[in-house]
Protein backbone atom coordinates (compact mmCIF):
# COMPACT_ATOMS: atom_id res chain seq x y z
CA MET A 1 1.76 -17.70 -14.09
CA ILE A 2 3.47 -17.43 -10.23
CA TYR A 3 5.02 -13.93 -9.94
CA GLU A 4 8.81 -13.26 -9.08
CA SER A 5 9.60 -10.93 -6.59
CA LEU A 6 12.16 -8.37 -5.76
CA ILE A 7 13.13 -7.96 -1.65
CA ALA A 8 13.70 -3.98 -1.47
CA PRO A 9 17.30 -3.29 0.54
CA HIS A 10 17.62 -0.60 2.98
CA GLU A 11 20.10 0.15 5.94
CA ASN A 12 20.99 -3.33 6.53
CA PRO A 13 21.01 -6.11 3.62
CA ALA A 14 17.92 -8.67 2.68
CA SER A 15 18.02 -11.14 5.46
CA LEU A 16 18.33 -14.95 4.86
CA ARG A 17 14.87 -14.94 6.80
CA ASP A 18 13.14 -12.62 4.59
CA ILE A 19 14.85 -14.72 1.48
CA LYS A 20 13.55 -17.84 2.87
CA ARG A 21 9.64 -16.36 2.61
CA ALA A 22 10.23 -14.97 -0.73
CA LEU A 23 11.31 -18.66 -1.90
CA LEU A 24 8.46 -20.10 -0.41
CA THR A 25 6.29 -17.54 -2.20
CA TYR A 26 7.51 -16.35 -5.43
CA ASP A 27 8.73 -18.26 -8.66
CA LYS A 28 11.88 -16.29 -8.26
CA VAL A 29 13.53 -13.65 -6.10
CA LYS A 30 15.99 -10.73 -6.68
CA ILE A 31 18.01 -8.92 -4.47
CA ILE A 32 19.91 -5.91 -4.84
CA ASP A 33 23.58 -5.58 -5.66
CA PRO A 34 25.66 -3.79 -2.64
CA ASP A 35 26.60 -0.86 -5.17
CA ASP A 36 23.31 -0.03 -5.93
CA ARG A 37 22.35 2.72 -3.50
CA ASP A 38 21.64 5.90 -5.20
CA VAL A 39 17.86 6.93 -5.96
CA MET A 40 18.78 7.31 -9.68
CA PRO A 41 21.67 7.84 -11.69
CA SER A 42 23.77 10.76 -10.55
CA ASN A 43 24.29 12.06 -13.91
CA THR A 44 20.69 12.70 -14.38
CA PHE A 45 20.48 15.06 -11.43
CA MET A 46 20.87 18.32 -13.39
CA SER A 47 18.57 17.26 -16.51
CA SER A 48 15.89 16.33 -13.99
CA ILE A 49 15.91 19.94 -11.96
CA MET A 50 15.84 21.58 -15.21
CA GLY A 51 13.25 19.44 -17.04
CA MET A 52 15.42 19.09 -20.29
CA PRO A 53 18.51 16.79 -21.46
CA LEU A 54 21.81 18.90 -20.37
CA ILE A 55 25.28 17.97 -19.81
CA GLY A 56 25.59 14.25 -18.15
CA MET A 57 28.31 14.03 -15.66
CA ASP A 58 28.82 12.66 -12.54
CA ILE A 59 27.91 14.56 -9.65
CA GLY A 60 28.11 12.29 -6.59
CA PRO A 61 25.71 10.31 -4.91
CA ILE A 62 22.03 11.32 -5.38
CA ARG A 63 19.86 10.52 -2.01
CA PRO A 64 22.25 7.27 -1.43
CA MET A 65 20.75 4.89 1.12
CA GLY A 66 23.51 4.10 4.03
CA LYS A 67 24.82 1.13 5.20
CA ALA A 68 25.12 -0.72 8.19
CA ILE A 69 28.40 -2.00 9.58
CA ARG A 70 29.79 -4.80 8.00
CA TYR A 71 27.00 -4.74 5.33
CA ASP A 72 28.96 -5.90 2.08
CA ASP A 73 30.65 -8.52 4.39
CA ILE A 74 26.86 -10.08 6.18
CA PHE A 75 25.33 -10.09 2.19
CA GLN A 76 27.95 -11.70 1.23
CA LYS A 77 27.93 -14.59 3.62
CA ILE A 78 24.19 -14.17 3.00
CA THR A 79 24.41 -15.00 -0.42
CA ASP A 80 26.82 -17.78 0.18
CA SER A 81 24.32 -19.54 2.04
CA CYS A 82 21.75 -19.21 -0.81
CA LYS A 83 23.87 -20.53 -3.34
CA PRO A 84 21.81 -23.46 -3.66
CA ALA A 85 19.21 -21.24 -4.97
CA ILE A 86 21.23 -19.08 -6.89
CA GLN A 87 22.62 -22.20 -8.92
CA GLN A 88 19.12 -23.22 -9.69
CA GLY A 89 18.04 -19.88 -10.89
CA LEU A 90 15.72 -19.41 -8.47
CA LEU A 91 17.62 -16.48 -6.55
CA GLU A 92 19.66 -13.52 -8.53
CA VAL A 93 21.47 -10.46 -7.67
CA VAL A 94 20.61 -7.70 -9.60
CA SER A 95 21.27 -3.74 -10.27
CA THR A 96 18.70 -1.35 -11.36
CA TYR A 97 20.84 -0.01 -13.45
CA GLU A 98 24.72 -0.30 -14.72
CA LYS A 99 26.46 2.40 -13.12
CA ALA A 100 29.67 2.20 -15.35
CA ASP A 101 27.62 2.90 -18.37
CA THR A 102 26.66 6.14 -17.23
CA LYS A 103 29.98 7.31 -16.39
CA ALA A 104 30.48 9.29 -20.14
CA PHE A 105 30.62 12.57 -20.69
CA THR A 106 27.35 13.40 -23.16
CA ILE A 107 25.63 16.65 -24.68
CA GLY A 108 22.08 16.56 -25.11
CA GLY A 109 21.39 13.01 -24.09
CA VAL A 110 22.09 11.39 -20.78
CA PRO A 111 22.64 7.58 -20.52
CA THR A 112 21.36 6.08 -17.91
CA GLY A 113 22.95 2.49 -17.97
CA GLY A 114 19.46 0.90 -18.35
CA TYR A 115 17.76 2.90 -15.50
CA PRO A 116 14.13 2.28 -16.51
CA LEU A 117 12.40 4.81 -14.63
CA ASN A 118 11.83 8.79 -15.67
CA PRO A 119 14.57 10.43 -13.54
CA GLN A 120 12.53 13.53 -12.96
CA PHE A 121 9.57 12.09 -12.02
CA VAL A 122 11.28 9.76 -9.43
CA PHE A 123 13.05 12.91 -8.39
CA TRP A 124 10.44 15.63 -7.93
CA LEU A 125 7.72 12.57 -6.20
CA TYR A 126 10.85 12.46 -3.40
CA ARG A 127 11.04 15.90 -3.15
CA LYS A 128 7.48 16.04 -2.20
CA MET A 129 7.18 13.24 -0.03
CA SER A 130 10.03 14.24 1.80
CA GLN A 131 8.55 17.61 2.57
CA ASP A 132 6.25 15.96 4.13
CA GLN A 133 6.22 15.42 8.21
CA GLY A 134 3.86 12.35 7.64
CA PHE A 135 6.11 10.56 5.51
CA LEU A 136 9.23 11.31 7.19
CA GLN A 137 7.97 10.27 10.77
CA SER A 138 6.48 7.05 9.45
CA ALA A 139 9.95 6.07 7.53
CA VAL A 140 11.32 5.68 10.84
CA ALA A 141 8.51 5.34 13.64
CA LEU A 142 9.00 1.75 14.39
CA ASN A 143 12.52 1.83 14.83
CA GLN A 144 13.84 4.98 15.64
CA HIS A 145 16.16 4.11 18.71
CA ASP A 146 17.25 1.01 16.90
CA LEU A 147 18.67 3.38 14.37
CA LEU A 148 20.54 5.74 16.43
CA SER A 149 22.52 2.98 18.05
CA LYS A 150 23.04 0.34 15.14
CA ILE A 151 23.50 2.55 12.30
CA ASP A 152 27.10 3.81 11.49
CA VAL A 153 27.34 6.26 8.59
CA ALA A 154 31.16 6.27 8.26
CA GLU A 155 30.93 3.04 7.62
CA GLY A 156 30.34 2.01 3.67
CA LEU A 157 28.50 4.19 1.89
CA SER A 158 27.66 8.20 3.26
CA LEU A 159 24.08 9.11 3.55
CA GLU A 160 25.27 11.97 2.32
CA GLY A 161 24.44 13.51 -0.97
CA ARG A 162 22.81 15.50 -3.63
CA GLY A 163 19.00 16.01 -3.81
CA ASP A 164 18.43 17.54 -0.41
CA GLY A 165 19.22 21.01 -0.62
CA GLY A 166 17.55 24.01 -1.77
CA ILE A 167 17.23 24.31 -5.70
CA ASN A 168 16.98 27.85 -7.03
CA ASP A 169 13.78 29.50 -5.26
CA ILE A 170 12.99 26.05 -3.56
CA PRO A 171 13.81 25.91 -0.05
CA ALA A 172 15.76 22.76 0.98
CA LEU A 173 14.05 20.00 2.44
CA PRO A 174 12.89 20.08 5.96
CA LEU A 175 14.34 18.24 8.65
CA ILE A 176 12.10 15.81 10.78
CA ASP A 177 9.93 17.63 13.49
CA ASN A 178 11.18 15.91 16.52
CA SER A 179 11.98 17.78 19.47
CA SER A 180 13.67 14.79 21.46
CA LEU A 181 16.10 14.70 19.24
CA GLY A 182 19.38 16.69 19.19
CA GLU A 183 20.49 18.80 15.86
CA ASP A 184 22.90 15.96 14.62
CA GLN A 185 20.49 13.00 15.98
CA ALA A 186 17.78 14.98 13.64
CA LYS A 187 19.69 15.27 10.85
CA TYR A 188 20.71 11.38 10.87
CA ILE A 189 17.17 10.64 11.34
CA THR A 190 15.56 12.67 8.70
CA GLN A 191 18.25 11.25 6.17
CA ILE A 192 17.37 7.68 6.78
CA ALA A 193 13.96 8.67 6.61
CA ARG A 194 14.27 10.54 3.17
CA ALA A 195 16.50 7.62 2.34
CA ARG A 196 13.95 5.28 3.18
CA ILE A 197 11.39 7.08 0.74
CA ALA A 198 13.20 7.77 -2.18
CA ALA A 199 14.50 3.43 -1.58
CA LEU A 200 10.48 2.72 -1.76
CA ILE A 201 9.91 5.12 -5.05
CA LYS A 202 12.82 3.50 -7.20
CA TYR A 203 12.22 -0.02 -6.12
CA SER A 204 8.08 0.48 -6.49
CA GLY A 205 8.86 1.84 -10.10
CA TYR A 206 11.59 -0.10 -10.75
CA CYS A 207 9.26 -3.83 -9.75
CA GLU A 208 6.56 -2.15 -12.14
CA MET A 209 8.31 -1.96 -15.34
CA LYS A 210 10.05 -5.35 -14.85
CA ASP A 211 6.85 -7.03 -13.83
CA LEU A 212 8.09 -7.75 -10.41
CA VAL A 213 6.53 -7.95 -6.88
CA PRO A 214 7.83 -5.38 -4.41
CA VAL A 215 8.85 -6.98 -1.22
CA PHE A 216 9.00 -4.16 1.38
CA PRO A 217 10.54 -5.31 5.18
CA SER A 218 7.26 -4.71 7.33
CA ASP A 219 9.43 -3.58 10.02
CA VAL A 220 11.60 -1.05 7.90
CA TYR A 221 8.98 0.07 5.33
CA GLY A 222 5.85 -0.54 7.30
CA GLY A 223 5.08 2.83 8.39
CA VAL A 224 5.68 4.85 5.31
CA VAL A 225 3.59 2.03 2.65
CA SER A 226 0.63 2.30 4.84
CA THR A 227 0.70 5.77 4.65
CA LEU A 228 0.95 5.57 0.82
CA LEU A 229 -1.66 3.23 0.41
CA ASN A 230 -3.96 5.39 2.95
CA ASN A 231 -3.44 8.21 0.84
CA ALA A 232 -4.24 7.01 -2.67
CA GLN A 233 -7.18 5.31 -1.60
CA ILE A 234 -8.80 8.66 -0.83
CA VAL A 235 -7.33 10.56 -3.73
CA LEU A 236 -8.73 7.86 -6.22
CA SER A 237 -11.90 7.45 -4.35
CA GLY A 238 -12.74 11.16 -4.55
CA VAL A 239 -12.31 11.73 -7.98
CA GLU A 240 -16.00 11.96 -9.32
CA GLU A 241 -15.53 13.50 -12.58
CA ASP A 242 -14.42 9.74 -13.63
CA PRO A 243 -16.09 6.46 -12.23
CA TYR A 244 -13.43 4.44 -13.31
CA TRP A 245 -10.85 5.41 -10.56
CA PHE A 246 -13.85 4.95 -7.97
CA LYS A 247 -14.23 1.30 -9.41
CA ARG A 248 -10.13 0.60 -9.63
CA ASN A 249 -9.58 1.70 -6.05
CA ARG A 250 -11.61 -1.50 -5.01
CA VAL A 251 -8.59 -3.34 -5.74
CA LEU A 252 -7.32 -1.59 -2.59
CA GLU A 253 -9.61 -3.51 -0.49
CA LEU A 254 -8.18 -7.37 -1.17
CA CYS A 255 -6.49 -8.43 1.47
CA HIS A 256 -3.92 -10.79 1.09
CA GLU A 257 -1.41 -12.13 3.95
CA GLU A 258 1.12 -15.61 4.25
CA TYR A 259 2.36 -16.44 7.75
CA LEU A 260 5.11 -18.39 8.56
CA SER A 261 6.99 -19.18 11.55
CA ASP A 262 10.03 -16.97 12.13
CA GLU A 263 11.49 -19.95 14.25
CA ALA A 264 10.81 -22.47 12.19
CA LEU A 265 11.89 -20.94 9.28
CA ASP A 266 15.21 -20.01 10.72
CA HIS A 267 15.41 -23.63 11.16
CA LEU A 268 15.10 -24.71 7.89
CA SER A 269 18.43 -24.64 5.13
CA ILE A 270 18.11 -23.74 1.57
CA ASP A 271 18.12 -26.95 0.54
CA ASP A 272 14.56 -27.42 2.72
CA VAL A 273 13.20 -24.23 1.36
CA ILE A 274 13.54 -25.88 -1.69
CA LYS A 275 12.40 -29.00 -1.26
CA LEU A 276 9.08 -27.19 0.26
CA ARG A 277 8.15 -25.58 -3.10
CA SER A 278 6.23 -28.56 -3.99
CA ALA A 279 3.32 -29.10 -6.47
CA ALA A 280 0.59 -27.93 -3.68
CA TRP A 281 2.53 -24.42 -3.45
CA GLY A 282 2.42 -24.67 -7.39
CA LYS A 283 -1.60 -25.05 -7.31
CA GLN A 284 -1.78 -22.51 -4.42
CA ALA A 285 0.25 -19.79 -6.20
CA GLU A 286 -1.28 -20.25 -9.73
CA ALA A 287 -4.78 -19.62 -7.53
CA ARG A 288 -3.75 -16.74 -5.23
CA GLU A 289 -2.65 -15.15 -8.95
CA LYS A 290 -5.80 -15.87 -10.10
CA LEU A 291 -8.04 -14.88 -7.58
CA PHE A 292 -6.39 -11.25 -7.99
CA GLU A 293 -6.67 -11.09 -11.64
CA SER A 294 -10.74 -11.70 -11.02
CA ILE A 295 -10.66 -9.39 -8.25
CA GLY A 296 -9.19 -6.59 -10.80
CA ALA A 297 -11.62 -7.69 -13.88
CA ILE A 298 -14.86 -7.71 -11.81
CA SER A 299 -13.54 -4.02 -9.70
CA GLN A 300 -14.43 -2.70 -13.05
CA GLU A 301 -17.32 -4.88 -14.56
CA LEU A 302 -20.11 -4.48 -11.60
CA ASP A 303 -21.49 -1.02 -10.65
CA ASN A 304 -22.71 -1.35 -7.59
CA ASP A 305 -20.60 -2.07 -4.61
CA GLU A 306 -22.88 -4.18 -2.81
CA SER A 307 -22.32 -6.83 -5.56
CA PHE A 308 -18.65 -6.36 -6.09
CA GLU A 309 -18.35 -7.30 -2.49
CA LYS A 310 -20.65 -10.28 -3.12
CA GLU A 311 -18.89 -11.34 -5.63
CA ALA A 312 -15.34 -10.75 -4.36
CA LYS A 313 -16.44 -12.69 -1.03
CA SER A 314 -17.70 -15.68 -3.54
CA LEU A 315 -13.84 -15.49 -5.50
CA VAL A 316 -12.23 -15.57 -2.17
CA GLU A 317 -14.09 -18.43 -0.70
CA GLY A 318 -13.13 -20.48 -4.20
CA TYR A 319 -9.52 -19.65 -3.77
CA ARG A 320 -9.66 -21.05 -0.05
CA LYS A 321 -10.34 -24.12 -0.64
CA THR A 322 -7.17 -24.45 -2.79
CA THR A 323 -4.89 -23.35 -0.13
CA ASP A 324 -6.07 -26.32 2.39
CA ALA A 325 -3.68 -28.68 1.09
CA LEU A 326 -0.56 -26.18 1.25
CA GLU A 327 -1.33 -25.44 5.08
CA SER A 328 -1.30 -29.41 5.84
CA GLU A 329 1.58 -29.48 4.06
CA ARG A 330 3.50 -26.68 6.10
CA ALA A 331 1.96 -27.58 9.28
CA SER A 332 5.10 -27.84 10.93
CA LEU A 333 5.86 -23.77 10.30
CA ASN A 334 2.76 -22.87 11.54
CA PHE A 335 1.69 -21.33 8.17
CA LYS A 336 -1.56 -19.77 7.77
CA ILE A 337 -3.47 -18.09 4.83
CA LYS A 338 -5.52 -14.81 5.61
CA CYS A 339 -7.84 -13.53 2.62
CA ASP A 340 -10.51 -10.71 3.07
CA ILE A 341 -12.25 -8.61 0.89
CA GLY A 342 -13.62 -5.14 2.45
CA ILE A 343 -10.84 -4.70 4.77
CA GLY A 344 -9.08 -1.75 3.07
CA VAL A 345 -5.72 -0.20 4.26
CA LEU A 346 -4.83 -0.77 7.84
CA GLY A 347 -1.72 0.67 9.56
CA GLY A 348 1.79 -1.22 10.39
CA GLY A 349 2.77 -1.87 13.88
CA THR A 350 5.58 -3.99 15.79
CA GLY A 351 3.16 -7.11 15.68
CA LEU A 352 4.20 -7.42 11.94
CA ALA A 353 7.06 -9.09 12.74
CA GLY A 354 7.24 -12.56 11.05
CA LEU A 355 4.65 -11.96 8.87
CA LEU A 356 5.24 -12.04 5.05
CA THR A 357 2.57 -9.82 3.93
CA GLN A 358 2.75 -9.31 0.31
CA LEU A 359 0.26 -8.30 -2.59
CA GLN A 360 -2.09 -5.75 -1.69
CA SER A 361 -2.98 -4.97 -5.08
CA PRO A 362 -1.64 -6.76 -7.89
CA LEU A 363 -3.83 -4.95 -10.50
CA ALA A 364 -3.52 -1.54 -9.07
CA SER A 365 -0.58 0.60 -10.92
CA MET A 366 2.59 1.08 -8.67
CA GLY A 367 3.20 4.48 -10.70
CA LEU A 368 -0.38 5.45 -9.75
CA THR A 369 -0.46 4.63 -6.26
CA LEU A 370 2.83 6.31 -5.72
CA ALA A 371 1.40 9.68 -7.62
CA ALA A 372 -1.69 9.24 -5.78
CA GLY A 373 -0.49 8.58 -2.29
CA GLY A 374 2.12 10.81 -3.01
CA MET A 375 2.49 14.18 -5.30
CA TRP A 376 -1.29 14.55 -5.68
CA ALA A 377 -2.34 13.53 -2.27
CA LEU A 378 0.09 16.12 -0.84
CA GLU A 379 -1.06 18.65 -3.58
CA LYS A 380 -4.70 18.60 -1.90
CA SER A 381 -6.13 19.90 -5.17
CA LYS A 382 -7.80 18.84 -8.39
CA ASP A 383 -4.82 19.20 -10.47
CA TYR A 384 -3.89 15.63 -10.82
CA VAL A 385 -7.44 14.86 -12.64
CA PRO A 386 -5.75 15.24 -16.04
CA ALA A 387 -2.86 12.92 -15.15
CA LEU A 388 -5.16 10.25 -13.97
CA LYS A 389 -7.05 10.36 -17.14
CA LYS A 390 -3.77 9.67 -19.20
CA LEU A 391 -2.98 6.83 -16.51
CA LYS A 392 -6.31 5.59 -16.78
CA ASP A 393 -6.00 5.00 -21.31
CA LYS A 394 -2.84 3.35 -20.48
CA GLU A 395 -3.80 0.57 -17.90
CA GLU A 396 -6.80 0.47 -20.08
CA SER A 397 -4.53 -1.21 -22.77
CA LEU A 398 -2.56 -3.11 -20.89
CA LYS A 399 -3.84 -7.03 -19.78
CA ARG A 400 -2.43 -6.66 -16.38
CA GLY A 401 -1.79 -2.93 -15.20
CA ALA A 402 1.48 -2.96 -13.36
CA GLY A 403 1.06 -6.34 -12.07
CA SER A 404 3.33 -5.09 -8.70
CA GLY A 405 1.27 -4.37 -5.90
CA LEU A 406 2.25 -2.90 -2.56
CA GLN A 407 1.62 -4.87 0.42
CA ASN A 408 -1.30 -4.20 2.77
CA PHE A 409 0.52 -4.60 6.25
CA TYR A 410 -2.33 -5.78 8.39
CA SER A 411 -2.26 -8.49 10.65
CA ARG A 412 -4.98 -10.46 12.18
CA ILE A 413 -3.54 -14.16 12.46
CA LYS A 414 -3.05 -15.60 15.72
CA LYS A 415 0.34 -16.77 16.11
CA GLY A 416 -0.56 -19.59 19.00
């Protein structure tokens, strides 16, 4: 099986370049409808705070993602350019829930419009991560100055919304700590950082539930994803009470990336891209998924780290033999594949431009990674151990874990 993917949106629509990359990597690609901006349905807010079913009503946006100027127009032009892929069912515009179905006034139950996540978990994980300066800083580290000059919150949906203020005796979320920003700038940049954190949680969870691979554009999400992965790796490796998680953490050592020249990609039409989805591509993609599944299996089967690394390297070498034909076929795109074991999670950076980073860990539960890297890592306690045991039981009952790992933002491919 070749995985399907979803390109996570941000202040700007998914670019035509990102869509082309994804179409050259995944079986099908999904992009998010421009009207789907809130982290969760508005009518679930009160029940998420109180932890019990309450009257469900629309109270306005809940931590929305803002829009750049002319967002909707740009989105329409991009989808118009992608009509051949849409017509063939390779590209689809989707929503994480049907907003119209959440408008009913109810008592004792909250209609979520098909929103597949637990709103209370999403909301409190968002609050936990957005309290942390490390996450706030990493969410805007790569393009803070550009954001100040290019985003107009008066256009499209506002960044203002519920979810950030004080709740009973819990204080409001803090502003980003940056003495170089004025008061209005700090508020604005903080809202963008919070929105990116919320989007990461929402789309990661959505992809896990829908068996999709989340594609987070590295220039926007690279910093916060790297922070999350590093945190998760530390938390899982430290659970001494249960060696299961120590072994499970090994899958985070697998690094896989595919590079395509931006310039060459930009010159391709969507029809050209579809033609490049060849037999050689299909064989490579199937071999890639088999590699990920095999790494996940031996991560649990082998007790010794040295044995795991040796066997994993052997699997990687076998996989590389299947990539030669595709690299030759796509030589004009400067196409390269990098795959290693034992690298670990590395930070993002400006050198990531033009890099298709993908499938860091297709067998590590997305929900687990989010909780371990966000909530549990920030608690700095062992209180998460019972929850990990519950997740272990759930994971062992599944054939493929979550099936949609986070990307590893790591770049070692020479572009010359």
